[in-house]
Amino acid sequence: MAFKEYGSFDAVGLADLVRRKQVSAGELLDEAISRTAKVDPQINAVVVKHYDYAKKQIDKGLPDGPFTGVPFLLKDLDLLQGTVTTSGASVFRDNVADRTGTLAQRFLETGVAIFGKSASPEFGLMPTTEPRLFGPTRNPWNLEHSSGGSSGGAAAAVSARILPMAHASDGGGSIRIPASASGVFGMKPSRARNPLGPDRGEGWGGFSCGHVVSISVRDSAVMMDAIHGPEPSSLYVAPPPERPFSQEVGRDPGRLGIAFTDKSPYGDAIDPEIAAAVRDVAAMLAKLGHQVEERAPTLAAEPPAVMAVIVGANTALTVRLAEARFGRVMTGDDFEVLTLAMAHNAQKTTATDYVAAQLSAFQISRGLAEFFETCDVFLCPTLCLPPLRIGELNSMSGDLSHIAPMLRRYMPATAMFNMSGQPAMSVPLAWNKAGLPLGMMFAAKFGDEGTLFRLAGQLEQKRPWKDKLPTVCA
């Protein structure tokens, strides 16, 4: 290893070393590539490797930004001109992007060196990362388990210390789910905080957003400072922050009103170790001086039904656009069984069904807004089961009936905050007896990432996680 201390630094720390000329961007890239070669055969997180692209970036001269010289991965759903972007789909295995997305461009302007793409399930549709095209991404804490999804490759790579921070996106929990499963920090920003263009104004009816997963809280905050803000095609904008997000980390959060629950929003039983972990964290928050009360919002509709219509319609459009591009009907050779089934089912819904789903999402959002008038933060488990085993969710099964019940049990609480557009984060505060991470989810009022970053900074100091290393790092 050219730089053996690499794994103990977060992205802000690595950038500072480059700035002080204690290490070069090229040396950091070499270390990331070396670690990829060592660890990725076990976890399968970096599915597109374009090392030459990053080397050319460095040779050309990286921009002077907060992360100049830090290695970085883009999720295999976003476009970077001249590089392969597959979206996890067989039909796009050789697809080379002819343009760069707005968010990817903002990442570039921070000075990162993008050396590859991290694994995603096909079109980001699953909370586990097991695309047929590339095979499963495995959890660095236990290779028999999933790293989560849909940003499973990003979270696994960060957890395994290939790099300290990577791009992630979240349409129903896809930043928070893998952050929880892989033991890293993941903040889903408020709707419209970060850009989604230029090809679209919003994703999945406004549910989707992009940011990062990271080792440290400050990496997430500094990156949000660098990339947030509208673009010319923005349909709406997020409320401006009171101060830079990076200044919130380490700032006293004050005495927050925190509501919590150790139950599923549907009243279903959850894993007892996870329930106990929530209660333990709630007790810790009380000892830190916060006003903690056990109660939870009541949802006006069930998010899975809303997601089925909204995401299904978007998936059907994806299939239609692929058919127009290739001039033929898409088959099982092109897309997975789940993708085609969702597209087929969407054809049975009407425009009225879509508007009804949007109305249900609004009703959920309205109820949450009223709930947050009586508290600052809501705490619940990110996942209600431990990280799934590889194969428990099978998007290639001839019988997909197992998927909906498993999603309801596994990740019942994440999607409601995509519907409301509120910021929510998964913080790695617990591990079960089997050594698997159990993330805790915290949500705040719309536009109030500041409160979450202040609280996360406090929790990071009280119960640090950065030096906990997964099995593959042993």
Protein backbone atom coordinates (compact mmCIF):
# COMPACT_ATOMS: atom_id res chain seq x y z
CA MET A 1 0.00 0.00 0.00
CA ALA A 2 1.33 3.39 -0.98
CA PHE A 3 -0.51 5.16 1.82
CA LYS A 4 -1.38 2.80 4.67
CA GLU A 5 -3.14 5.48 6.76
CA TYR A 6 -5.58 6.24 3.92
CA GLY A 7 -8.49 4.36 5.48
CA SER A 8 -8.39 6.38 8.69
CA PHE A 9 -9.10 9.68 6.91
CA ASP A 10 -12.43 11.02 5.79
CA ALA A 11 -12.72 12.92 2.50
CA VAL A 12 -12.20 16.32 4.13
CA GLY A 13 -9.06 14.95 5.77
CA LEU A 14 -7.68 13.52 2.52
CA ALA A 15 -8.31 16.80 0.70
CA ASP A 16 -6.44 18.65 3.43
CA LEU A 17 -3.44 16.37 2.97
CA VAL A 18 -3.44 17.13 -0.76
CA ARG A 19 -3.80 20.84 -0.07
CA ARG A 20 -0.76 20.73 2.25
CA LYS A 21 1.14 18.65 -0.32
CA GLN A 22 1.64 15.77 2.10
CA VAL A 23 0.21 13.43 -0.51
CA SER A 24 -0.68 13.87 -4.17
CA ALA A 25 -3.97 13.27 -5.94
CA GLY A 26 -2.23 10.59 -7.98
CA GLU A 27 -1.12 8.76 -4.86
CA LEU A 28 -4.66 8.83 -3.47
CA LEU A 29 -6.02 7.46 -6.73
CA ASP A 30 -3.40 4.71 -6.76
CA GLU A 31 -4.42 3.78 -3.22
CA ALA A 32 -8.12 3.67 -4.12
CA ILE A 33 -7.34 1.48 -7.13
CA SER A 34 -5.14 -0.78 -5.01
CA ARG A 35 -7.89 -1.16 -2.42
CA THR A 36 -10.44 -1.85 -5.14
CA ALA A 37 -8.24 -4.64 -6.50
CA LYS A 38 -7.87 -6.12 -3.02
CA VAL A 39 -11.44 -5.82 -1.70
CA ASP A 40 -13.79 -5.59 -4.66
CA PRO A 41 -13.46 -9.25 -5.71
CA GLN A 42 -15.14 -10.03 -2.38
CA ILE A 43 -17.89 -7.39 -2.35
CA ASN A 44 -18.47 -6.50 -6.04
CA ALA A 45 -19.14 -2.79 -5.41
CA VAL A 46 -17.26 -1.11 -8.28
CA VAL A 47 -18.91 -2.48 -11.40
CA VAL A 48 -17.57 0.00 -13.97
CA LYS A 49 -13.91 0.89 -13.64
CA HIS A 50 -12.65 3.87 -15.64
CA TYR A 51 -9.33 4.57 -14.00
CA ASP A 52 -8.04 6.35 -17.11
CA TYR A 53 -10.79 8.95 -16.76
CA ALA A 54 -9.62 9.84 -13.25
CA LYS A 55 -5.96 9.85 -14.30
CA LYS A 56 -6.77 12.25 -17.15
CA GLN A 57 -8.60 14.48 -14.68
CA ILE A 58 -5.50 14.65 -12.52
CA ASP A 59 -3.13 15.15 -15.46
CA LYS A 60 -5.31 17.97 -16.79
CA GLY A 61 -5.44 19.62 -13.37
CA LEU A 62 -8.26 19.22 -10.87
CA PRO A 63 -10.43 22.19 -9.90
CA ASP A 64 -9.66 23.89 -6.62
CA GLY A 65 -12.55 22.68 -4.49
CA PRO A 66 -13.26 21.27 -1.04
CA PHE A 67 -12.36 17.73 -2.16
CA THR A 68 -9.53 18.30 -4.61
CA GLY A 69 -7.72 15.02 -5.20
CA VAL A 70 -10.15 12.76 -3.35
CA PRO A 71 -11.11 9.55 -5.21
CA PHE A 72 -14.84 9.26 -5.91
CA LEU A 73 -17.41 6.88 -7.38
CA LEU A 74 -20.54 7.85 -9.28
CA LYS A 75 -23.58 5.61 -8.88
CA ASP A 76 -24.27 3.60 -12.03
CA LEU A 77 -27.46 5.54 -12.72
CA ASP A 78 -25.96 8.97 -13.45
CA LEU A 79 -24.28 10.24 -16.57
CA LEU A 80 -20.60 11.12 -16.95
CA GLN A 81 -19.67 11.96 -20.52
CA GLY A 82 -17.45 9.39 -22.19
CA THR A 83 -17.96 6.67 -19.57
CA VAL A 84 -20.19 3.60 -19.47
CA THR A 85 -23.48 4.00 -17.58
CA THR A 86 -25.57 0.80 -17.52
CA SER A 87 -28.26 1.56 -14.90
CA GLY A 88 -27.71 -2.08 -13.94
CA ALA A 89 -29.54 -3.26 -17.10
CA SER A 90 -28.27 -5.81 -19.60
CA VAL A 91 -29.51 -3.83 -22.58
CA PHE A 92 -27.28 -0.89 -21.56
CA ARG A 93 -24.13 -2.89 -20.80
CA ASP A 94 -22.19 -0.95 -23.47
CA ASN A 95 -23.98 2.40 -23.11
CA VAL A 96 -21.51 5.31 -23.18
CA ALA A 97 -22.85 8.61 -21.88
CA ASP A 98 -22.80 11.46 -24.40
CA ARG A 99 -23.27 14.13 -21.72
CA THR A 100 -22.71 14.78 -18.02
CA GLY A 101 -25.59 15.28 -15.60
CA THR A 102 -25.81 18.45 -13.53
CA LEU A 103 -25.10 16.68 -10.24
CA ALA A 104 -22.12 14.82 -11.68
CA GLN A 105 -20.77 18.13 -13.02
CA ARG A 106 -21.07 19.67 -9.57
CA PHE A 107 -19.22 16.70 -8.11
CA LEU A 108 -16.44 17.29 -10.65
CA GLU A 109 -16.23 20.94 -9.65
CA THR A 110 -15.49 19.92 -6.05
CA GLY A 111 -12.20 18.46 -7.30
CA VAL A 112 -12.94 14.75 -6.87
CA ALA A 113 -11.35 12.19 -9.21
CA ILE A 114 -14.10 9.87 -10.46
CA PHE A 115 -12.52 6.46 -11.06
CA GLY A 116 -15.61 4.30 -11.58
CA LYS A 117 -19.29 3.56 -11.09
CA SER A 118 -20.76 1.89 -8.04
CA ALA A 119 -23.27 -0.94 -8.34
CA SER A 120 -27.02 -0.35 -8.41
CA PRO A 121 -29.92 -2.75 -8.87
CA GLU A 122 -31.58 -2.39 -12.27
CA PHE A 123 -32.87 1.21 -12.43
CA GLY A 124 -32.54 1.48 -8.66
CA LEU A 125 -35.76 -0.45 -8.11
CA MET A 126 -34.76 -2.68 -5.19
CA PRO A 127 -33.49 -2.16 -1.61
CA THR A 128 -30.79 -4.73 -2.31
CA THR A 129 -28.11 -4.54 -4.99
CA GLU A 130 -28.21 -7.78 -6.98
CA PRO A 131 -28.55 -6.90 -10.67
CA ARG A 132 -28.48 -9.76 -13.14
CA LEU A 133 -25.91 -7.84 -15.20
CA PHE A 134 -23.21 -7.70 -12.54
CA GLY A 135 -24.31 -10.05 -9.79
CA PRO A 136 -24.78 -9.25 -6.09
CA THR A 137 -22.94 -6.60 -4.11
CA ARG A 138 -22.08 -8.15 -0.76
CA ASN A 139 -22.06 -6.63 2.70
CA PRO A 140 -18.52 -5.92 3.94
CA TRP A 141 -19.58 -6.97 7.45
CA ASN A 142 -20.82 -10.39 6.32
CA LEU A 143 -20.53 -11.52 2.72
CA GLU A 144 -23.66 -13.66 2.95
CA HIS A 145 -25.75 -10.52 3.39
CA SER A 146 -26.75 -7.64 1.13
CA SER A 147 -25.14 -4.22 1.41
CA GLY A 148 -28.59 -2.70 0.84
CA GLY A 149 -29.89 -0.76 -2.12
CA SER A 150 -30.26 0.92 -4.31
CA SER A 151 -26.97 2.69 -3.53
CA GLY A 152 -25.54 -0.61 -2.36
CA GLY A 153 -22.30 -0.39 -4.29
CA ALA A 154 -21.58 3.09 -2.93
CA ALA A 155 -22.25 2.10 0.68
CA ALA A 156 -20.25 -1.12 0.42
CA ALA A 157 -17.26 0.67 -1.11
CA VAL A 158 -17.28 3.31 1.63
CA SER A 159 -17.80 0.74 4.38
CA ALA A 160 -14.87 -1.31 3.05
CA ARG A 161 -12.71 1.85 2.99
CA ILE A 162 -12.08 1.79 -0.74
CA LEU A 163 -12.90 5.49 -0.44
CA PRO A 164 -14.38 7.70 2.27
CA MET A 165 -17.39 9.07 0.36
CA ALA A 166 -19.39 8.15 -2.75
CA HIS A 167 -22.38 9.38 -4.72
CA ALA A 168 -25.76 7.90 -3.75
CA SER A 169 -29.40 8.58 -4.58
CA ASP A 170 -32.69 8.02 -2.79
CA GLY A 171 -36.19 7.57 -4.24
CA GLY A 172 -37.70 5.41 -1.50
CA GLY A 173 -34.83 4.98 0.95
CA SER A 174 -31.90 4.24 -1.36
CA ILE A 175 -29.37 6.36 0.54
CA ARG A 176 -30.56 5.43 4.02
CA ILE A 177 -31.15 1.70 3.47
CA PRO A 178 -27.60 0.87 2.31
CA ALA A 179 -26.13 3.30 4.84
CA SER A 180 -27.89 1.31 7.55
CA ALA A 181 -27.01 -2.11 6.12
CA SER A 182 -23.36 -1.17 5.54
CA GLY A 183 -22.65 0.86 8.68
CA VAL A 184 -22.02 4.30 7.15
CA PHE A 185 -23.64 7.73 7.34
CA GLY A 186 -26.32 8.64 4.80
CA MET A 187 -28.30 11.88 4.53
CA LYS A 188 -31.27 12.16 2.20
CA PRO A 189 -31.59 15.90 1.51
CA SER A 190 -34.80 17.89 1.24
CA ARG A 191 -36.62 17.78 -2.08
CA ALA A 192 -34.94 20.09 -4.63
CA ARG A 193 -31.91 20.68 -2.41
CA ASN A 194 -29.60 19.09 -4.99
CA PRO A 195 -30.09 19.17 -8.78
CA LEU A 196 -31.41 16.33 -10.95
CA GLY A 197 -31.08 17.82 -14.47
CA PRO A 198 -30.58 18.49 -17.22
CA ASP A 199 -32.68 15.58 -18.54
CA ARG A 200 -35.37 15.74 -15.87
CA GLY A 201 -36.79 18.24 -13.43
CA GLU A 202 -37.65 15.66 -10.82
CA GLY A 203 -37.43 11.90 -10.36
CA TRP A 204 -40.25 9.50 -9.47
CA GLY A 205 -42.78 12.30 -9.06
CA GLY A 206 -40.51 14.32 -6.78
CA PHE A 207 -39.58 11.39 -4.53
CA SER A 208 -36.00 11.01 -5.78
CA CYS A 209 -32.91 13.02 -4.84
CA GLY A 210 -29.14 12.63 -4.98
CA HIS A 211 -26.34 13.14 -2.48
CA VAL A 212 -23.62 10.91 -0.94
CA VAL A 213 -22.91 8.25 1.65
CA SER A 214 -19.82 8.83 3.77
CA ILE A 215 -17.69 7.76 6.69
CA SER A 216 -18.11 11.07 8.49
CA VAL A 217 -20.91 13.57 9.04
CA ARG A 218 -18.74 16.50 7.98
CA ASP A 219 -18.04 14.93 4.56
CA SER A 220 -21.78 14.89 3.89
CA ALA A 221 -22.24 18.47 5.07
CA VAL A 222 -19.27 19.88 3.14
CA MET A 223 -20.41 18.12 -0.02
CA MET A 224 -23.94 19.46 0.38
CA ASP A 225 -22.52 22.97 0.67
CA ALA A 226 -20.71 22.44 -2.61
CA ILE A 227 -23.47 20.91 -4.73
CA HIS A 228 -26.80 22.26 -3.48
CA GLY A 229 -28.86 24.88 -5.22
CA PRO A 230 -31.17 25.16 -8.24
CA GLU A 231 -30.34 24.91 -11.92
CA PRO A 232 -32.10 26.69 -14.82
CA SER A 233 -34.56 23.80 -15.28
CA SER A 234 -35.48 23.43 -11.59
CA LEU A 235 -39.23 23.12 -11.08
CA TYR A 236 -38.96 24.41 -7.49
CA VAL A 237 -36.25 25.17 -4.95
CA ALA A 238 -35.54 24.09 -1.38
CA PRO A 239 -35.53 26.70 1.41
CA PRO A 240 -32.11 28.35 1.73
CA PRO A 241 -30.05 27.14 4.70
CA GLU A 242 -29.57 29.46 7.65
CA ARG A 243 -25.79 28.99 7.40
CA PRO A 244 -23.41 26.64 5.56
CA PHE A 245 -24.18 23.02 6.41
CA SER A 246 -20.54 22.45 7.33
CA GLN A 247 -20.94 24.99 10.14
CA GLU A 248 -23.76 22.93 11.63
CA VAL A 249 -21.50 19.95 12.34
CA GLY A 250 -20.08 20.45 15.83
CA ARG A 251 -22.58 23.19 16.61
CA ASP A 252 -24.64 22.64 19.79
CA PRO A 253 -28.00 21.23 18.68
CA GLY A 254 -29.69 22.63 21.79
CA ARG A 255 -32.51 20.80 23.52
CA LEU A 256 -34.48 19.13 20.75
CA GLY A 257 -37.96 17.71 20.97
CA ILE A 258 -37.49 14.15 19.69
CA ALA A 259 -40.36 11.74 19.11
CA PHE A 260 -39.48 8.10 18.60
CA THR A 261 -40.93 4.68 17.93
CA ASP A 262 -39.48 1.17 18.01
CA LYS A 263 -42.32 -0.16 15.86
CA SER A 264 -43.19 -0.39 12.19
CA PRO A 265 -45.54 2.36 10.99
CA TYR A 266 -47.99 -0.44 10.15
CA GLY A 267 -47.90 -1.86 13.66
CA ASP A 268 -46.08 -4.99 12.49
CA ALA A 269 -43.54 -6.62 14.80
CA ILE A 270 -39.92 -5.74 14.07
CA ASP A 271 -36.65 -7.48 14.86
CA PRO A 272 -36.25 -7.41 18.67
CA GLU A 273 -32.57 -6.41 18.56
CA ILE A 274 -33.45 -3.44 16.36
CA ALA A 275 -36.31 -2.42 18.67
CA ALA A 276 -33.94 -2.62 21.65
CA ALA A 277 -31.35 -0.53 19.78
CA VAL A 278 -33.93 2.21 19.12
CA ARG A 279 -34.83 2.34 22.80
CA ASP A 280 -31.15 2.46 23.73
CA VAL A 281 -30.55 5.39 21.38
CA ALA A 282 -33.65 7.16 22.70
CA ALA A 283 -32.28 6.79 26.24
CA MET A 284 -28.92 8.18 25.11
CA LEU A 285 -30.66 11.18 23.54
CA ALA A 286 -32.48 11.86 26.81
CA LYS A 287 -29.16 11.74 28.70
CA LEU A 288 -27.79 14.26 26.20
CA GLY A 289 -30.51 16.65 27.34
CA HIS A 290 -33.10 16.25 24.60
CA GLN A 291 -36.82 16.01 25.34
CA VAL A 292 -37.67 12.48 24.22
CA GLU A 293 -41.20 11.15 23.87
CA GLU A 294 -42.48 7.84 22.47
CA ARG A 295 -45.02 8.56 19.71
CA ALA A 296 -45.23 8.29 15.93
CA PRO A 297 -47.13 9.86 13.04
CA THR A 298 -50.24 8.24 11.64
CA LEU A 299 -50.07 7.89 7.86
CA ALA A 300 -53.08 8.89 5.76
CA ALA A 301 -52.27 6.19 3.18
CA GLU A 302 -49.84 3.32 2.82
CA PRO A 303 -46.65 4.36 0.97
CA PRO A 304 -46.20 1.00 -0.85
CA ALA A 305 -49.45 1.48 -2.78
CA VAL A 306 -48.40 4.99 -3.77
CA MET A 307 -44.92 3.84 -4.78
CA ALA A 308 -46.31 1.03 -6.91
CA VAL A 309 -48.21 3.49 -9.11
CA ILE A 310 -45.65 6.31 -9.30
CA VAL A 311 -42.55 4.14 -9.69
CA GLY A 312 -44.39 1.72 -11.96
CA ALA A 313 -45.34 4.51 -14.37
CA ASN A 314 -41.76 5.79 -14.43
CA THR A 315 -40.47 2.27 -15.08
CA ALA A 316 -42.94 1.84 -17.94
CA LEU A 317 -41.64 5.04 -19.51
CA THR A 318 -38.05 3.78 -19.17
CA VAL A 319 -38.99 0.61 -21.04
CA ARG A 320 -40.85 2.60 -23.73
CA LEU A 321 -37.87 4.89 -24.29
CA ALA A 322 -35.57 1.87 -24.59
CA GLU A 323 -37.88 0.34 -27.18
CA ALA A 324 -37.85 3.58 -29.17
CA ARG A 325 -34.06 3.74 -28.95
CA PHE A 326 -33.43 0.15 -30.06
CA GLY A 327 -36.40 -0.14 -32.39
CA ARG A 328 -37.79 -3.36 -30.90
CA VAL A 329 -39.84 -4.71 -28.03
CA MET A 330 -37.84 -5.18 -24.84
CA THR A 331 -37.66 -8.78 -23.61
CA GLY A 332 -36.23 -10.76 -20.73
CA ASP A 333 -32.86 -10.63 -22.47
CA ASP A 334 -32.89 -6.85 -22.02
CA PHE A 335 -34.52 -6.25 -18.65
CA GLU A 336 -35.10 -8.23 -15.49
CA VAL A 337 -38.42 -9.93 -14.73
CA LEU A 338 -39.29 -7.34 -12.06
CA THR A 339 -38.69 -4.39 -14.39
CA LEU A 340 -40.85 -5.82 -17.15
CA ALA A 341 -43.56 -6.81 -14.67
CA MET A 342 -43.69 -3.31 -13.20
CA ALA A 343 -43.89 -1.81 -16.68
CA HIS A 344 -46.64 -4.26 -17.66
CA ASN A 345 -48.65 -3.57 -14.51
CA ALA A 346 -48.33 0.17 -15.06
CA GLN A 347 -50.08 -0.22 -18.40
CA LYS A 348 -53.18 -1.31 -16.48
CA THR A 349 -53.33 1.93 -14.48
CA THR A 350 -54.88 5.13 -15.75
CA ALA A 351 -53.95 8.78 -15.61
CA THR A 352 -56.60 9.08 -12.90
CA ASP A 353 -54.84 6.37 -10.87
CA TYR A 354 -51.61 8.33 -11.14
CA VAL A 355 -53.23 11.55 -9.92
CA ALA A 356 -54.89 9.61 -7.08
CA ALA A 357 -51.47 8.29 -6.05
CA GLN A 358 -50.06 11.81 -6.09
CA LEU A 359 -52.96 12.93 -3.89
CA SER A 360 -52.26 10.10 -1.44
CA ALA A 361 -48.60 11.15 -1.31
CA PHE A 362 -49.72 14.70 -0.53
CA GLN A 363 -51.98 13.47 2.25
CA ILE A 364 -49.08 11.55 3.76
CA SER A 365 -46.94 14.68 3.43
CA ARG A 366 -49.59 16.88 5.04
CA GLY A 367 -49.94 14.52 7.98
CA LEU A 368 -46.19 14.46 8.52
CA ALA A 369 -46.00 18.26 8.37
CA GLU A 370 -48.62 18.47 11.11
CA PHE A 371 -46.79 15.86 13.20
CA PHE A 372 -43.55 17.86 12.96
CA GLU A 373 -45.30 20.94 14.31
CA THR A 374 -45.06 19.17 17.68
CA CYS A 375 -41.44 17.96 17.52
CA ASP A 376 -38.09 18.83 15.95
CA VAL A 377 -36.93 15.33 15.07
CA PHE A 378 -38.46 11.89 14.64
CA LEU A 379 -36.41 8.75 15.39
CA CYS A 380 -37.24 5.25 14.17
CA PRO A 381 -35.27 2.28 12.83
CA THR A 382 -34.02 2.75 9.28
CA LEU A 383 -34.71 -0.95 8.67
CA CYS A 384 -37.01 -3.20 10.68
CA LEU A 385 -35.01 -6.35 9.90
CA PRO A 386 -31.24 -6.93 9.84
CA PRO A 387 -29.56 -6.65 6.40
CA LEU A 388 -31.14 -9.22 4.11
CA ARG A 389 -29.31 -12.30 2.95
CA ILE A 390 -28.24 -12.42 -0.66
CA GLY A 391 -31.10 -13.87 -2.68
CA GLU A 392 -33.95 -13.08 -0.27
CA LEU A 393 -35.29 -10.59 -2.80
CA ASN A 394 -35.13 -12.06 -6.29
CA SER A 395 -35.91 -9.70 -9.16
CA MET A 396 -35.55 -12.58 -11.64
CA SER A 397 -38.05 -14.91 -9.99
CA GLY A 398 -40.94 -16.28 -12.00
CA ASP A 399 -43.07 -15.58 -8.94
CA LEU A 400 -42.56 -12.05 -7.62
CA SER A 401 -45.19 -12.38 -4.87
CA HIS A 402 -42.48 -12.58 -2.18
CA ILE A 403 -41.24 -9.04 -2.85
CA ALA A 404 -44.07 -6.81 -1.56
CA PRO A 405 -44.42 -8.57 1.83
CA MET A 406 -40.66 -8.48 2.35
CA LEU A 407 -40.45 -4.77 1.52
CA ARG A 408 -43.23 -4.06 3.99
CA ARG A 409 -41.34 -5.86 6.75
CA TYR A 410 -37.85 -4.66 5.83
CA MET A 411 -38.14 -0.95 5.03
CA PRO A 412 -41.59 0.30 6.02
CA ALA A 413 -40.57 3.78 7.20
CA THR A 414 -38.21 5.19 4.58
CA ALA A 415 -40.49 6.06 1.66
CA MET A 416 -42.81 8.40 3.58
CA PHE A 417 -40.04 10.99 3.77
CA ASN A 418 -39.50 10.77 0.02
CA MET A 419 -43.18 11.61 -0.36
CA SER A 420 -43.01 14.54 2.06
CA GLY A 421 -39.64 15.68 0.71
CA GLN A 422 -38.27 16.01 4.24
CA PRO A 423 -34.59 15.46 5.05
CA ALA A 424 -33.85 12.15 6.76
CA MET A 425 -30.62 10.44 7.70
CA SER A 426 -29.42 7.00 8.72
CA VAL A 427 -26.78 7.06 11.45
CA PRO A 428 -24.72 3.92 12.27
CA LEU A 429 -25.31 3.75 16.01
CA ALA A 430 -25.82 0.03 16.66
CA TRP A 431 -24.72 -3.46 15.63
CA ASN A 432 -26.53 -6.70 16.37
CA LYS A 433 -25.07 -9.78 18.05
CA ALA A 434 -24.16 -11.18 14.64
CA GLY A 435 -22.03 -8.10 13.97
CA LEU A 436 -24.31 -6.52 11.35
CA PRO A 437 -24.94 -2.75 11.39
CA LEU A 438 -28.31 -1.36 12.47
CA GLY A 439 -28.83 2.22 11.34
CA MET A 440 -31.10 4.66 13.16
CA MET A 441 -33.21 7.01 11.04
CA PHE A 442 -33.82 10.62 12.03
CA ALA A 443 -36.07 13.00 10.10
CA ALA A 444 -36.69 16.73 10.48
CA LYS A 445 -38.95 19.42 9.07
CA PHE A 446 -38.82 20.18 5.36
CA GLY A 447 -35.68 22.18 4.54
CA ASP A 448 -34.12 21.62 7.98
CA GLU A 449 -31.01 19.59 7.24
CA GLY A 450 -29.23 21.94 9.67
CA THR A 451 -30.90 20.38 12.71
CA LEU A 452 -30.03 16.89 11.49
CA PHE A 453 -26.40 17.77 10.85
CA ARG A 454 -26.11 19.30 14.34
CA LEU A 455 -27.64 16.22 15.92
CA ALA A 456 -25.55 13.86 13.78
CA GLY A 457 -22.39 15.67 14.82
CA GLN A 458 -23.34 15.27 18.47
CA LEU A 459 -24.07 11.56 17.99
CA GLU A 460 -20.82 11.04 16.10
CA GLN A 461 -18.93 12.47 19.08
CA LYS A 462 -20.93 10.49 21.63
CA ARG A 463 -20.88 7.15 19.82
CA PRO A 464 -18.19 7.29 17.09
CA TRP A 465 -18.32 4.73 14.31
CA LYS A 466 -15.48 5.66 11.94
CA ASP A 467 -12.95 3.25 13.46
CA LYS A 468 -15.34 0.27 13.37
CA LEU A 469 -14.07 -1.81 10.48
CA PRO A 470 -16.01 -4.56 8.67
CA THR A 471 -14.86 -8.11 8.12
CA VAL A 472 -13.29 -7.48 4.74
CA CYS A 473 -10.93 -4.90 6.30
CA ALA A 474 -9.62 -7.35 8.90
